């Protein structure tokens, strides 16, 4: 993961394969790959926060947040476990506000790649992986508002006679760790990673990879121009709606059989056509250029992250 920022995003649109908004979860290992032949290797990652540091910041963030919640009168949260780091709070369904959960992972930068994950979770592997790492908890509306400060309409800005901090207790914790809210500060790593994908998708080599993958998918009975089209699954929305209307789908988090079948074909075609290797080479080439052009900004981000990690360690030492 590139950031300890929240998972829950309400977005109008977003590139399916790009890192739109705050990141969801860190890569699988603290040890960053150094070979450009490794599909996990990305030049911009050198300026980002490693997994271990993300966990440290996350634990400190929730440590401060639970102290804030206790101060606001939520005494039962004083002993909230922060390791593993809890999942970002979800607004209670009874609150009558629709939200959208977008789970993105660096491991899925070029779309789904693991055949086992595809067969089990379809295109929901990033969500499933996140939920394995971060325990979910049901929050009351008052707890949710106090934690996030995400008010809708005339929802109360106070709780138990105390005013809720800007962006809630989690926002207050962010300011203590980062010095400001990360949401209010540009993240050049995130922006340039997204830019690299946008530029890459227009590169002739990337387009050739898309065409080869698309031809393979047609042989399997699927008609998508790019893996992004398969990921968004507009053609599967009707089936999903019908399953919901008939009551066939009782678990909204369980992928449909068609979703799993499509994802499995997607992965196989990536493997057969050498898709990941081809687009990764383009991505690395573009990122190297972007690093050279934006080194000053990237180094500033690197040092800003280091400062946050240092502060997070102080927080954990104080409250341990």
C-alpha atoms as a PDB file:
ATOM      1  CA  UNK A   1       0.000   0.000   0.000  1.00  0.00           C
ATOM      2  CA  UNK A   2       1.135   3.502  -0.630  1.00  0.00           C
ATOM      3  CA  UNK A   3      -0.784   5.250   2.055  1.00  0.00           C
ATOM      4  CA  UNK A   4      -2.464   4.871   5.404  1.00  0.00           C
ATOM      5  CA  UNK A   5      -5.416   6.868   4.146  1.00  0.00           C
ATOM      6  CA  UNK A   6      -8.984   5.498   4.148  1.00  0.00           C
ATOM      7  CA  UNK A   7     -10.229   2.748   1.928  1.00  0.00           C
ATOM      8  CA  UNK A   8     -13.758   3.994   1.569  1.00  0.00           C
ATOM      9  CA  UNK A   9     -14.057   6.295  -1.406  1.00  0.00           C
ATOM     10  CA  UNK A  10     -17.178   7.693  -3.029  1.00  0.00           C
ATOM     11  CA  UNK A  11     -16.145   8.361  -6.613  1.00  0.00           C
ATOM     12  CA  UNK A  12     -17.938   9.358  -9.741  1.00  0.00           C
ATOM     13  CA  UNK A  13     -15.490   7.576 -11.992  1.00  0.00           C
ATOM     14  CA  UNK A  14     -12.059   6.049 -11.908  1.00  0.00           C
ATOM     15  CA  UNK A  15      -9.680   4.106 -14.081  1.00  0.00           C
ATOM     16  CA  UNK A  16     -10.311   0.519 -13.108  1.00  0.00           C
ATOM     17  CA  UNK A  17      -6.676  -0.477 -13.192  1.00  0.00           C
ATOM     18  CA  UNK A  18      -5.186   2.705 -11.851  1.00  0.00           C
ATOM     19  CA  UNK A  19      -4.599   3.889  -8.339  1.00  0.00           C
ATOM     20  CA  UNK A  20      -7.494   6.302  -7.988  1.00  0.00           C
ATOM     21  CA  UNK A  21      -7.576   7.945  -4.618  1.00  0.00           C
ATOM     22  CA  UNK A  22      -5.972   6.634  -1.427  1.00  0.00           C
ATOM     23  CA  UNK A  23      -4.488   3.174  -1.650  1.00  0.00           C
ATOM     24  CA  UNK A  24      -5.931   0.098  -0.072  1.00  0.00           C
ATOM     25  CA  UNK A  25      -3.273  -2.265   1.026  1.00  0.00           C
ATOM     26  CA  UNK A  26       0.475  -2.773   0.922  1.00  0.00           C
ATOM     27  CA  UNK A  27       2.385  -5.169  -1.286  1.00  0.00           C
ATOM     28  CA  UNK A  28       2.935  -8.661   0.080  1.00  0.00           C
ATOM     29  CA  UNK A  29       6.451  -8.060   1.413  1.00  0.00           C
ATOM     30  CA  UNK A  30       8.533  -5.307   3.010  1.00  0.00           C
ATOM     31  CA  UNK A  31      11.409  -6.279   0.739  1.00  0.00           C
ATOM     32  CA  UNK A  32      10.964  -4.269  -2.437  1.00  0.00           C
ATOM     33  CA  UNK A  33      11.996  -6.040  -5.636  1.00  0.00           C
ATOM     34  CA  UNK A  34      15.026  -4.488  -7.283  1.00  0.00           C
ATOM     35  CA  UNK A  35      14.946  -6.226 -10.659  1.00  0.00           C
ATOM     36  CA  UNK A  36      12.979  -4.581 -13.446  1.00  0.00           C
ATOM     37  CA  UNK A  37      12.066  -8.106 -14.591  1.00  0.00           C
ATOM     38  CA  UNK A  38       9.976  -8.569 -11.439  1.00  0.00           C
ATOM     39  CA  UNK A  39       6.404  -7.366 -12.207  1.00  0.00           C
ATOM     40  CA  UNK A  40       6.226  -5.927  -8.686  1.00  0.00           C
ATOM     41  CA  UNK A  41       9.148  -3.606  -9.365  1.00  0.00           C
ATOM     42  CA  UNK A  42       8.183   0.030  -9.920  1.00  0.00           C
ATOM     43  CA  UNK A  43      10.674   2.920  -9.898  1.00  0.00           C
ATOM     44  CA  UNK A  44       8.226   5.247  -8.135  1.00  0.00           C
ATOM     45  CA  UNK A  45       7.885   2.825  -5.225  1.00  0.00           C
ATOM     46  CA  UNK A  46      11.306   3.906  -3.926  1.00  0.00           C
ATOM     47  CA  UNK A  47       9.740   7.215  -2.873  1.00  0.00           C
ATOM     48  CA  UNK A  48       6.726   5.673  -1.178  1.00  0.00           C
ATOM     49  CA  UNK A  49       6.057   4.177   2.251  1.00  0.00           C
ATOM     50  CA  UNK A  50       7.066   0.502   2.716  1.00  0.00           C
ATOM     51  CA  UNK A  51       4.572  -1.986   4.100  1.00  0.00           C
ATOM     52  CA  UNK A  52       6.085  -2.136   7.576  1.00  0.00           C
ATOM     53  CA  UNK A  53       5.933   1.638   7.896  1.00  0.00           C
ATOM     54  CA  UNK A  54       2.338   1.656   6.651  1.00  0.00           C
ATOM     55  CA  UNK A  55       1.422  -0.720   9.464  1.00  0.00           C
ATOM     56  CA  UNK A  56       3.283   1.424  11.994  1.00  0.00           C
ATOM     57  CA  UNK A  57       1.448   4.571  10.897  1.00  0.00           C
ATOM     58  CA  UNK A  58      -1.861   2.709  10.845  1.00  0.00           C
ATOM     59  CA  UNK A  59      -1.429   1.410  14.377  1.00  0.00           C
ATOM     60  CA  UNK A  60      -0.446   4.869  15.645  1.00  0.00           C
ATOM     61  CA  UNK A  61      -3.382   6.441  13.835  1.00  0.00           C
ATOM     62  CA  UNK A  62      -5.881   4.103  15.475  1.00  0.00           C
ATOM     63  CA  UNK A  63      -4.131   4.393  18.844  1.00  0.00           C
ATOM     64  CA  UNK A  64      -4.689   8.151  18.805  1.00  0.00           C
ATOM     65  CA  UNK A  65      -8.188   7.758  17.374  1.00  0.00           C
ATOM     66  CA  UNK A  66      -9.358   5.433  20.129  1.00  0.00           C
ATOM     67  CA  UNK A  67      -8.005   7.842  22.762  1.00  0.00           C
ATOM     68  CA  UNK A  68      -9.959  10.602  21.044  1.00  0.00           C
ATOM     69  CA  UNK A  69     -13.084   8.425  21.018  1.00  0.00           C
ATOM     70  CA  UNK A  70     -12.735   7.752  24.741  1.00  0.00           C
ATOM     71  CA  UNK A  71     -12.429  11.497  25.270  1.00  0.00           C
ATOM     72  CA  UNK A  72     -15.691  11.969  23.361  1.00  0.00           C
ATOM     73  CA  UNK A  73     -17.454   9.555  25.698  1.00  0.00           C
ATOM     74  CA  UNK A  74     -17.028   6.211  23.921  1.00  0.00           C
ATOM     75  CA  UNK A  75     -15.414   4.487  26.909  1.00  0.00           C
ATOM     76  CA  UNK A  76     -15.843   0.998  25.442  1.00  0.00           C
ATOM     77  CA  UNK A  77     -13.404   1.842  22.643  1.00  0.00           C
ATOM     78  CA  UNK A  78     -10.503   2.582  24.986  1.00  0.00           C
ATOM     79  CA  UNK A  79      -9.318  -1.019  24.609  1.00  0.00           C
ATOM     80  CA  UNK A  80      -9.888  -1.328  20.851  1.00  0.00           C
ATOM     81  CA  UNK A  81      -7.210  -3.583  19.320  1.00  0.00           C
ATOM     82  CA  UNK A  82      -4.988  -1.761  16.826  1.00  0.00           C
ATOM     83  CA  UNK A  83      -2.865  -4.694  15.652  1.00  0.00           C
ATOM     84  CA  UNK A  84      -3.874  -5.763  13.110  1.00  0.00           C
ATOM     85  CA  UNK A  85      -5.002  -2.337  11.990  1.00  0.00           C
ATOM     86  CA  UNK A  86      -8.821  -2.173  11.873  1.00  0.00           C
ATOM     87  CA  UNK A  87     -10.622  -1.726   8.581  1.00  0.00           C
ATOM     88  CA  UNK A  88     -11.686   1.778   7.646  1.00  0.00           C
ATOM     89  CA  UNK A  89     -15.109   2.399   9.286  1.00  0.00           C
ATOM     90  CA  UNK A  90     -18.168   1.760   7.150  1.00  0.00           C
ATOM     91  CA  UNK A  91     -21.241   3.936   7.485  1.00  0.00           C
ATOM     92  CA  UNK A  92     -24.088   1.864   8.965  1.00  0.00           C
ATOM     93  CA  UNK A  93     -26.464   0.639   6.268  1.00  0.00           C
ATOM     94  CA  UNK A  94     -29.380   1.910   8.347  1.00  0.00           C
ATOM     95  CA  UNK A  95     -28.112   5.483   7.897  1.00  0.00           C
ATOM     96  CA  UNK A  96     -29.782   5.568   4.464  1.00  0.00           C
ATOM     97  CA  UNK A  97     -26.757   6.861   2.555  1.00  0.00           C
ATOM     98  CA  UNK A  98     -25.323   4.943  -0.412  1.00  0.00           C
ATOM     99  CA  UNK A  99     -21.557   4.608  -0.544  1.00  0.00           C
ATOM    100  CA  UNK A 100     -19.134   2.796  -2.831  1.00  0.00           C
ATOM    101  CA  UNK A 101     -16.228   0.670  -1.664  1.00  0.00           C
ATOM    102  CA  UNK A 102     -13.288   0.608  -4.065  1.00  0.00           C
ATOM    103  CA  UNK A 103     -10.529  -1.827  -3.195  1.00  0.00           C
ATOM    104  CA  UNK A 104      -7.306  -1.436  -5.138  1.00  0.00           C
ATOM    105  CA  UNK A 105      -3.990  -3.152  -4.605  1.00  0.00           C
ATOM    106  CA  UNK A 106      -0.531  -2.689  -6.077  1.00  0.00           C
ATOM    107  CA  UNK A 107      -0.571  -6.405  -6.784  1.00  0.00           C
ATOM    108  CA  UNK A 108      -3.501  -5.779  -9.163  1.00  0.00           C
ATOM    109  CA  UNK A 109      -1.957  -2.818 -10.970  1.00  0.00           C
ATOM    110  CA  UNK A 110      -2.403  -4.585 -14.312  1.00  0.00           C
ATOM    111  CA  UNK A 111      -5.584  -6.353 -13.316  1.00  0.00           C
ATOM    112  CA  UNK A 112      -6.079  -9.726 -11.690  1.00  0.00           C
ATOM    113  CA  UNK A 113      -3.109 -12.077 -12.077  1.00  0.00           C
ATOM    114  CA  UNK A 114      -3.551 -14.993  -9.685  1.00  0.00           C
ATOM    115  CA  UNK A 115      -5.553 -17.960 -11.084  1.00  0.00           C
ATOM    116  CA  UNK A 116      -6.512 -19.271  -7.645  1.00  0.00           C
ATOM    117  CA  UNK A 117      -7.752 -15.870  -6.552  1.00  0.00           C
ATOM    118  CA  UNK A 118      -9.702 -15.482  -9.792  1.00  0.00           C
ATOM    119  CA  UNK A 119     -11.395 -18.866  -9.405  1.00  0.00           C
ATOM    120  CA  UNK A 120     -12.421 -18.130  -5.820  1.00  0.00           C
ATOM    121  CA  UNK A 121     -13.081 -14.405  -5.708  1.00  0.00           C
ATOM    122  CA  UNK A 122     -13.535 -13.338  -9.326  1.00  0.00           C
ATOM    123  CA  UNK A 123     -12.623  -9.664  -9.502  1.00  0.00           C
ATOM    124  CA  UNK A 124     -13.143  -9.214  -5.750  1.00  0.00           C
ATOM    125  CA  UNK A 125      -9.707 -10.482  -4.742  1.00  0.00           C
ATOM    126  CA  UNK A 126      -8.453  -7.080  -3.553  1.00  0.00           C
ATOM    127  CA  UNK A 127     -11.468  -6.728  -1.273  1.00  0.00           C
ATOM    128  CA  UNK A 128     -11.082 -10.247   0.091  1.00  0.00           C
ATOM    129  CA  UNK A 129      -7.372  -9.706   0.711  1.00  0.00           C
ATOM    130  CA  UNK A 130      -8.014  -6.429   2.499  1.00  0.00           C
ATOM    131  CA  UNK A 131     -10.662  -7.974   4.732  1.00  0.00           C
ATOM    132  CA  UNK A 132      -8.301 -10.807   5.672  1.00  0.00           C
ATOM    133  CA  UNK A 133      -5.704  -8.268   6.786  1.00  0.00           C
ATOM    134  CA  UNK A 134      -8.008  -5.769   8.487  1.00  0.00           C
ATOM    135  CA  UNK A 135     -10.771  -6.918  10.872  1.00  0.00           C
ATOM    136  CA  UNK A 136     -14.147  -5.318  10.202  1.00  0.00           C
ATOM    137  CA  UNK A 137     -16.352  -3.968  12.950  1.00  0.00           C
ATOM    138  CA  UNK A 138     -19.916  -2.723  12.938  1.00  0.00           C
ATOM    139  CA  UNK A 139     -20.136   0.863  14.098  1.00  0.00           C
ATOM    140  CA  UNK A 140     -23.127   2.812  15.315  1.00  0.00           C
ATOM    141  CA  UNK A 141     -23.872   6.001  13.399  1.00  0.00           C
ATOM    142  CA  UNK A 142     -22.623   8.078  16.349  1.00  0.00           C
ATOM    143  CA  UNK A 143     -19.339   6.116  16.425  1.00  0.00           C
ATOM    144  CA  UNK A 144     -18.955   6.379  12.664  1.00  0.00           C
ATOM    145  CA  UNK A 145     -19.466  10.147  12.671  1.00  0.00           C
ATOM    146  CA  UNK A 146     -17.090  10.623  15.591  1.00  0.00           C
ATOM    147  CA  UNK A 147     -14.405   8.548  13.871  1.00  0.00           C
ATOM    148  CA  UNK A 148     -14.679  10.022  10.384  1.00  0.00           C
ATOM    149  CA  UNK A 149     -16.454  13.375  10.607  1.00  0.00           C
ATOM    150  CA  UNK A 150     -18.216  12.433   7.356  1.00  0.00           C
ATOM    151  CA  UNK A 151     -21.521  14.167   7.934  1.00  0.00           C
ATOM    152  CA  UNK A 152     -24.474  14.033   5.581  1.00  0.00           C
ATOM    153  CA  UNK A 153     -27.271  16.595   5.743  1.00  0.00           C
ATOM    154  CA  UNK A 154     -28.134  17.705   9.256  1.00  0.00           C
ATOM    155  CA  UNK A 155     -26.365  14.890  11.077  1.00  0.00           C
ATOM    156  CA  UNK A 156     -25.138  16.012  14.524  1.00  0.00           C
ATOM    157  CA  UNK A 157     -21.683  17.554  14.749  1.00  0.00           C
ATOM    158  CA  UNK A 158     -21.464  16.790  18.470  1.00  0.00           C
ATOM    159  CA  UNK A 159     -21.624  13.622  20.537  1.00  0.00           C
ATOM    160  CA  UNK A 160     -22.070  13.214  24.289  1.00  0.00           C
ATOM    161  CA  UNK A 161     -21.826  16.982  24.587  1.00  0.00           C
ATOM    162  CA  UNK A 162     -18.459  17.133  22.784  1.00  0.00           C
ATOM    163  CA  UNK A 163     -17.824  18.632  19.362  1.00  0.00           C
ATOM    164  CA  UNK A 164     -16.506  16.118  16.840  1.00  0.00           C
ATOM    165  CA  UNK A 165     -13.058  17.139  15.500  1.00  0.00           C
ATOM    166  CA  UNK A 166     -12.602  18.064  11.863  1.00  0.00           C
ATOM    167  CA  UNK A 167     -12.568  14.804   9.867  1.00  0.00           C
ATOM    168  CA  UNK A 168     -13.354  12.995  13.094  1.00  0.00           C
ATOM    169  CA  UNK A 169     -10.980  11.284  15.488  1.00  0.00           C
ATOM    170  CA  UNK A 170      -9.149   9.598  12.621  1.00  0.00           C
ATOM    171  CA  UNK A 171      -8.605  12.994  11.014  1.00  0.00           C
ATOM    172  CA  UNK A 172      -7.319  14.374  14.305  1.00  0.00           C
ATOM    173  CA  UNK A 173      -4.906  11.451  14.492  1.00  0.00           C
ATOM    174  CA  UNK A 174      -3.721  12.129  10.948  1.00  0.00           C
ATOM    175  CA  UNK A 175      -2.926  15.727  11.803  1.00  0.00           C
ATOM    176  CA  UNK A 176      -0.951  14.623  14.855  1.00  0.00           C
ATOM    177  CA  UNK A 177       1.099  12.171  12.787  1.00  0.00           C
ATOM    178  CA  UNK A 178       1.463  13.988   9.469  1.00  0.00           C
ATOM    179  CA  UNK A 179       1.105  17.587  10.611  1.00  0.00           C
ATOM    180  CA  UNK A 180      -1.844  17.999   8.255  1.00  0.00           C
ATOM    181  CA  UNK A 181      -4.555  15.850   6.723  1.00  0.00           C
ATOM    182  CA  UNK A 182      -3.069  13.703   3.921  1.00  0.00           C
ATOM    183  CA  UNK A 183      -6.262  14.335   1.932  1.00  0.00           C
ATOM    184  CA  UNK A 184      -5.350  18.027   1.784  1.00  0.00           C
ATOM    185  CA  UNK A 185      -1.874  17.416   0.403  1.00  0.00           C
ATOM    186  CA  UNK A 186      -0.903  16.320  -3.097  1.00  0.00           C
ATOM    187  CA  UNK A 187       0.768  12.933  -3.263  1.00  0.00           C
ATOM    188  CA  UNK A 188       3.183  13.045  -6.223  1.00  0.00           C
ATOM    189  CA  UNK A 189       3.800   9.294  -6.045  1.00  0.00           C
ATOM    190  CA  UNK A 190       0.109   8.521  -6.384  1.00  0.00           C
ATOM    191  CA  UNK A 191      -0.370  11.111  -9.118  1.00  0.00           C
ATOM    192  CA  UNK A 192       2.626   9.942 -11.136  1.00  0.00           C
ATOM    193  CA  UNK A 193       1.718   6.271 -10.798  1.00  0.00           C
ATOM    194  CA  UNK A 194      -1.695   7.099 -12.227  1.00  0.00           C
ATOM    195  CA  UNK A 195      -0.090   9.212 -14.949  1.00  0.00           C
ATOM    196  CA  UNK A 196       2.249   6.356 -15.844  1.00  0.00           C
ATOM    197  CA  UNK A 197      -0.723   4.061 -16.407  1.00  0.00           C
ATOM    198  CA  UNK A 198      -2.585   6.640 -18.485  1.00  0.00           C
ATOM    199  CA  UNK A 199       0.461   7.202 -20.676  1.00  0.00           C
ATOM    200  CA  UNK A 200       1.229   3.513 -20.792  1.00  0.00           C
ATOM    201  CA  UNK A 201      -2.209   2.549 -22.057  1.00  0.00           C
ATOM    202  CA  UNK A 202      -1.622   4.820 -25.064  1.00  0.00           C
ATOM    203  CA  UNK A 203       1.789   3.289 -25.828  1.00  0.00           C
ATOM    204  CA  UNK A 204       1.922   1.108 -28.984  1.00  0.00           C
ATOM    205  CA  UNK A 205       3.494  -1.799 -27.073  1.00  0.00           C
ATOM    206  CA  UNK A 206       0.736  -1.683 -24.460  1.00  0.00           C
ATOM    207  CA  UNK A 207      -1.941  -1.548 -27.169  1.00  0.00           C
ATOM    208  CA  UNK A 208      -0.410  -4.593 -28.851  1.00  0.00           C
ATOM    209  CA  UNK A 209      -0.571  -6.437 -25.543  1.00  0.00           C
ATOM    210  CA  UNK A 210      -4.241  -5.445 -25.177  1.00  0.00           C
ATOM    211  CA  UNK A 211      -5.016  -6.750 -28.666  1.00  0.00           C
ATOM    212  CA  UNK A 212      -3.306 -10.079 -28.051  1.00  0.00           C
ATOM    213  CA  UNK A 213      -5.128 -10.478 -24.727  1.00  0.00           C
ATOM    214  CA  UNK A 214      -8.458  -9.502 -26.340  1.00  0.00           C
ATOM    215  CA  UNK A 215      -8.016 -12.072 -29.131  1.00  0.00           C
ATOM    216  CA  UNK A 216      -7.336 -14.755 -26.538  1.00  0.00           C
ATOM    217  CA  UNK A 217     -10.460 -13.761 -24.597  1.00  0.00           C
ATOM    218  CA  UNK A 218     -12.585 -13.967 -27.759  1.00  0.00           C
ATOM    219  CA  UNK A 219     -11.510 -17.575 -28.214  1.00  0.00           C
ATOM    220  CA  UNK A 220     -12.728 -18.200 -24.676  1.00  0.00           C
ATOM    221  CA  UNK A 221     -16.095 -16.617 -25.477  1.00  0.00           C
ATOM    222  CA  UNK A 222     -15.566 -13.162 -23.951  1.00  0.00           C
ATOM    223  CA  UNK A 223     -15.557  -9.888 -25.852  1.00  0.00           C
ATOM    224  CA  UNK A 224     -13.469  -7.234 -24.126  1.00  0.00           C
ATOM    225  CA  UNK A 225     -11.008  -4.816 -25.681  1.00  0.00           C
ATOM    226  CA  UNK A 226      -8.887  -4.472 -22.537  1.00  0.00           C
ATOM    227  CA  UNK A 227      -8.520  -6.043 -19.084  1.00  0.00           C
ATOM    228  CA  UNK A 228      -9.989  -2.817 -17.708  1.00  0.00           C
ATOM    229  CA  UNK A 229     -13.231  -3.555 -19.579  1.00  0.00           C
ATOM    230  CA  UNK A 230     -13.335  -7.047 -18.108  1.00  0.00           C
ATOM    231  CA  UNK A 231     -12.656  -5.712 -14.609  1.00  0.00           C
ATOM    232  CA  UNK A 232     -15.505  -3.190 -14.715  1.00  0.00           C
ATOM    233  CA  UNK A 233     -17.846  -5.876 -16.097  1.00  0.00           C
ATOM    234  CA  UNK A 234     -20.590  -3.662 -17.481  1.00  0.00           C
ATOM    235  CA  UNK A 235     -21.983  -6.669 -19.350  1.00  0.00           C
ATOM    236  CA  UNK A 236     -22.301  -8.606 -16.093  1.00  0.00           C
ATOM    237  CA  UNK A 237     -24.381  -5.950 -14.362  1.00  0.00           C
ATOM    238  CA  UNK A 238     -27.670  -7.294 -15.781  1.00  0.00           C
ATOM    239  CA  UNK A 239     -26.992 -10.773 -14.460  1.00  0.00           C
ATOM    240  CA  UNK A 240     -26.099  -9.300 -11.083  1.00  0.00           C
ATOM    241  CA  UNK A 241     -29.311  -7.268 -10.983  1.00  0.00           C
ATOM    242  CA  UNK A 242     -31.410 -10.294 -11.900  1.00  0.00           C
ATOM    243  CA  UNK A 243     -29.803 -12.357  -9.151  1.00  0.00           C
ATOM    244  CA  UNK A 244     -30.585  -9.675  -6.612  1.00  0.00           C
ATOM    245  CA  UNK A 245     -34.189  -9.251  -7.778  1.00  0.00           C
ATOM    246  CA  UNK A 246     -34.876 -12.990  -7.670  1.00  0.00           C
ATOM    247  CA  UNK A 247     -33.209 -13.321  -4.287  1.00  0.00           C
ATOM    248  CA  UNK A 248     -30.675 -15.782  -5.688  1.00  0.00           C
ATOM    249  CA  UNK A 249     -27.823 -13.743  -4.326  1.00  0.00           C
ATOM    250  CA  UNK A 250     -28.031 -13.705  -0.546  1.00  0.00           C
ATOM    251  CA  UNK A 251     -24.447 -12.657   0.091  1.00  0.00           C
ATOM    252  CA  UNK A 252     -23.642  -9.369  -1.683  1.00  0.00           C
ATOM    253  CA  UNK A 253     -19.922  -9.977  -1.225  1.00  0.00           C
ATOM    254  CA  UNK A 254     -19.945 -13.362  -2.968  1.00  0.00           C
ATOM    255  CA  UNK A 255     -18.901 -13.098  -6.653  1.00  0.00           C
ATOM    256  CA  UNK A 256     -21.164 -14.630  -9.272  1.00  0.00           C
ATOM    257  CA  UNK A 257     -20.218 -17.727 -11.244  1.00  0.00           C
ATOM    258  CA  UNK A 258     -19.877 -15.579 -14.382  1.00  0.00           C
ATOM    259  CA  UNK A 259     -17.607 -13.145 -12.562  1.00  0.00           C
ATOM    260  CA  UNK A 260     -15.313 -15.999 -11.474  1.00  0.00           C
ATOM    261  CA  UNK A 261     -15.382 -17.566 -14.938  1.00  0.00           C
ATOM    262  CA  UNK A 262     -14.500 -14.262 -16.608  1.00  0.00           C
ATOM    263  CA  UNK A 263     -11.691 -13.524 -14.152  1.00  0.00           C
ATOM    264  CA  UNK A 264     -10.244 -17.002 -14.637  1.00  0.00           C
ATOM    265  CA  UNK A 265     -10.204 -16.548 -18.422  1.00  0.00           C
ATOM    266  CA  UNK A 266      -8.687 -13.106 -17.931  1.00  0.00           C
ATOM    267  CA  UNK A 267      -5.760 -14.515 -15.935  1.00  0.00           C
ATOM    268  CA  UNK A 268      -5.187 -17.380 -18.360  1.00  0.00           C
ATOM    269  CA  UNK A 269      -5.056 -15.002 -21.315  1.00  0.00           C
ATOM    270  CA  UNK A 270      -2.593 -12.759 -19.500  1.00  0.00           C
ATOM    271  CA  UNK A 271      -0.387 -15.788 -18.937  1.00  0.00           C
ATOM    272  CA  UNK A 272      -0.696 -17.127 -22.492  1.00  0.00           C
ATOM    273  CA  UNK A 273       0.018 -13.807 -24.182  1.00  0.00           C
ATOM    274  CA  UNK A 274       2.755 -12.562 -21.837  1.00  0.00           C
ATOM    275  CA  UNK A 275       0.559  -9.572 -21.040  1.00  0.00           C
ATOM    276  CA  UNK A 276       1.979  -8.660 -17.623  1.00  0.00           C
ATOM    277  CA  UNK A 277       5.594  -8.714 -18.801  1.00  0.00           C
ATOM    278  CA  UNK A 278       4.756  -6.544 -21.821  1.00  0.00           C
ATOM    279  CA  UNK A 279       2.806  -3.814 -20.026  1.00  0.00           C
ATOM    280  CA  UNK A 280       5.126  -3.829 -17.013  1.00  0.00           C
ATOM    281  CA  UNK A 281       8.088  -3.041 -19.283  1.00  0.00           C
ATOM    282  CA  UNK A 282       6.196  -0.026 -20.645  1.00  0.00           C
ATOM    283  CA  UNK A 283       5.213   1.072 -17.133  1.00  0.00           C
ATOM    284  CA  UNK A 284       8.800   0.871 -15.861  1.00  0.00           C
ATOM    285  CA  UNK A 285      10.141   2.810 -18.836  1.00  0.00           C
ATOM    286  CA  UNK A 286       7.636   5.617 -18.296  1.00  0.00           C
ATOM    287  CA  UNK A 287       8.126   5.691 -14.538  1.00  0.00           C
ATOM    288  CA  UNK A 288      11.884   6.056 -14.898  1.00  0.00           C
ATOM    289  CA  UNK A 289      11.312   9.145 -17.022  1.00  0.00           C
ATOM    290  CA  UNK A 290       8.752  10.535 -14.580  1.00  0.00           C
ATOM    291  CA  UNK A 291      11.155  10.032 -11.676  1.00  0.00           C
ATOM    292  CA  UNK A 292      13.848  12.006 -13.497  1.00  0.00           C
ATOM    293  CA  UNK A 293      11.405  14.818 -14.303  1.00  0.00           C
ATOM    294  CA  UNK A 294       9.901  15.025 -10.796  1.00  0.00           C
ATOM    295  CA  UNK A 295      12.742  14.034  -8.487  1.00  0.00           C
ATOM    296  CA  UNK A 296      12.521  17.111  -6.241  1.00  0.00           C
ATOM    297  CA  UNK A 297       8.827  16.586  -5.513  1.00  0.00           C
ATOM    298  CA  UNK A 298       9.316  12.874  -4.998  1.00  0.00           C
ATOM    299  CA  UNK A 299      12.168  13.374  -2.556  1.00  0.00           C
ATOM    300  CA  UNK A 300      10.020  15.829  -0.596  1.00  0.00           C
ATOM    301  CA  UNK A 301       7.277  13.201  -0.384  1.00  0.00           C
ATOM    302  CA  UNK A 302       9.797  10.601   0.743  1.00  0.00           C
ATOM    303  CA  UNK A 303      10.977  12.823   3.606  1.00  0.00           C
ATOM    304  CA  UNK A 304       7.386  13.746   4.523  1.00  0.00           C
ATOM    305  CA  UNK A 305       6.583  10.047   4.833  1.00  0.00           C
ATOM    306  CA  UNK A 306       9.693   9.460   6.924  1.00  0.00           C
ATOM    307  CA  UNK A 307       8.622  12.234   9.274  1.00  0.00           C
ATOM    308  CA  UNK A 308       5.211  10.621   9.691  1.00  0.00           C
ATOM    309  CA  UNK A 309       6.773   7.243  10.482  1.00  0.00           C
ATOM    310  CA  UNK A 310       9.061   8.845  13.082  1.00  0.00           C
ATOM    311  CA  UNK A 311       6.076  10.530  14.735  1.00  0.00           C
ATOM    312  CA  UNK A 312       4.045   7.303  14.595  1.00  0.00           C
ATOM    313  CA  UNK A 313       6.804   5.440  16.434  1.00  0.00           C
ATOM    314  CA  UNK A 314       6.826   8.100  19.125  1.00  0.00           C
ATOM    315  CA  UNK A 315       3.069   7.716  19.513  1.00  0.00           C
ATOM    316  CA  UNK A 316       3.318   3.946  19.899  1.00  0.00           C
ATOM    317  CA  UNK A 317       6.153   4.255  22.417  1.00  0.00           C
ATOM    318  CA  UNK A 318       4.120   6.735  24.460  1.00  0.00           C
ATOM    319  CA  UNK A 319       0.951   4.662  24.522  1.00  0.00           C
ATOM    320  CA  UNK A 320       2.520   1.184  24.761  1.00  0.00           C
END
